[in-house]
Amino acid sequence: MNLCPKVEKAMQLLGKRWMGFAIKQFLDRPQRFSEIKAGFSISGKLLTERLKELE
């Protein structure tokens, strides 16, 4: 099946581990890095990587 390139990229991002939870954290309210990290067990390195992918 051929998808629109933008839809395909969005699906790839959403399918990554911890991405959905990171996005949900932003929907609640703006938060600092330390607040997001404290909210679930993810390494700072992986959280940084996921946030950069969302830029």
C-alpha atoms as a PDB file:
ATOM      1  CA  MET A   1       0.000   0.000   0.000  1.00  0.00           C
ATOM      2  CA  ASN A   2       1.347   3.437  -0.912  1.00  0.00           C
ATOM      3  CA  LEU A   3       0.806   6.180   1.640  1.00  0.00           C
ATOM      4  CA  CYS A   4       1.324   9.889   1.386  1.00  0.00           C
ATOM      5  CA  PRO A   5       4.966  10.498   2.412  1.00  0.00           C
ATOM      6  CA  LYS A   6       3.896  12.808   5.256  1.00  0.00           C
ATOM      7  CA  VAL A   7       1.435  10.258   6.624  1.00  0.00           C
ATOM      8  CA  GLU A   8       4.048   7.530   6.337  1.00  0.00           C
ATOM      9  CA  LYS A   9       6.605   9.616   8.282  1.00  0.00           C
ATOM     10  CA  ALA A  10       4.028  10.409  10.976  1.00  0.00           C
ATOM     11  CA  MET A  11       3.174   6.727  11.358  1.00  0.00           C
ATOM     12  CA  GLN A  12       6.851   5.817  11.623  1.00  0.00           C
ATOM     13  CA  LEU A  13       7.358   8.405  14.369  1.00  0.00           C
ATOM     14  CA  LEU A  14       4.272   7.356  16.308  1.00  0.00           C
ATOM     15  CA  GLY A  15       5.306   3.723  16.127  1.00  0.00           C
ATOM     16  CA  LYS A  16       8.595   4.300  17.942  1.00  0.00           C
ATOM     17  CA  ARG A  17       8.937   3.179  21.529  1.00  0.00           C
ATOM     18  CA  TRP A  18       7.871   5.850  24.062  1.00  0.00           C
ATOM     19  CA  MET A  19       6.812   8.332  21.358  1.00  0.00           C
ATOM     20  CA  GLY A  20       3.089   8.083  22.065  1.00  0.00           C
ATOM     21  CA  PHE A  21       3.599   8.637  25.766  1.00  0.00           C
ATOM     22  CA  ALA A  22       5.898  11.618  25.146  1.00  0.00           C
ATOM     23  CA  ILE A  23       3.278  13.220  22.907  1.00  0.00           C
ATOM     24  CA  LYS A  24       0.556  12.580  25.482  1.00  0.00           C
ATOM     25  CA  GLN A  25       2.643  14.413  28.095  1.00  0.00           C
ATOM     26  CA  PHE A  26       2.610  17.528  25.888  1.00  0.00           C
ATOM     27  CA  LEU A  27      -1.139  17.371  25.389  1.00  0.00           C
ATOM     28  CA  ASP A  28      -1.745  17.711  29.126  1.00  0.00           C
ATOM     29  CA  ARG A  29       0.298  20.902  29.560  1.00  0.00           C
ATOM     30  CA  PRO A  30       3.701  22.356  28.725  1.00  0.00           C
ATOM     31  CA  GLN A  31       6.426  20.649  30.755  1.00  0.00           C
ATOM     32  CA  ARG A  32      10.130  20.868  31.385  1.00  0.00           C
ATOM     33  CA  PHE A  33      12.450  18.038  30.389  1.00  0.00           C
ATOM     34  CA  SER A  34      12.895  16.914  34.003  1.00  0.00           C
ATOM     35  CA  GLU A  35       9.113  16.763  34.521  1.00  0.00           C
ATOM     36  CA  ILE A  36       8.641  14.581  31.474  1.00  0.00           C
ATOM     37  CA  LYS A  37      11.529  12.310  32.456  1.00  0.00           C
ATOM     38  CA  ALA A  38      10.166  11.931  35.991  1.00  0.00           C
ATOM     39  CA  GLY A  39       6.801  10.872  34.551  1.00  0.00           C
ATOM     40  CA  PHE A  40       8.053   7.536  33.211  1.00  0.00           C
ATOM     41  CA  SER A  41      11.073   5.263  33.195  1.00  0.00           C
ATOM     42  CA  ILE A  42      13.029   6.353  30.139  1.00  0.00           C
ATOM     43  CA  SER A  43      16.680   7.282  29.889  1.00  0.00           C
ATOM     44  CA  GLY A  44      17.540  10.919  29.364  1.00  0.00           C
ATOM     45  CA  LYS A  45      19.346   9.977  26.158  1.00  0.00           C
ATOM     46  CA  LEU A  46      16.310   8.241  24.663  1.00  0.00           C
ATOM     47  CA  LEU A  47      13.943  11.022  25.745  1.00  0.00           C
ATOM     48  CA  THR A  48      16.247  13.594  24.144  1.00  0.00           C
ATOM     49  CA  GLU A  49      16.299  11.556  20.940  1.00  0.00           C
ATOM     50  CA  ARG A  50      12.487  11.317  20.826  1.00  0.00           C
ATOM     51  CA  LEU A  51      12.043  15.039  21.484  1.00  0.00           C
ATOM     52  CA  LYS A  52      14.503  15.944  18.728  1.00  0.00           C
ATOM     53  CA  GLU A  53      12.567  13.746  16.311  1.00  0.00           C
ATOM     54  CA  LEU A  54       9.442  15.777  17.071  1.00  0.00           C
ATOM     55  CA  GLU A  55      11.095  19.114  16.189  1.00  0.00           C
END
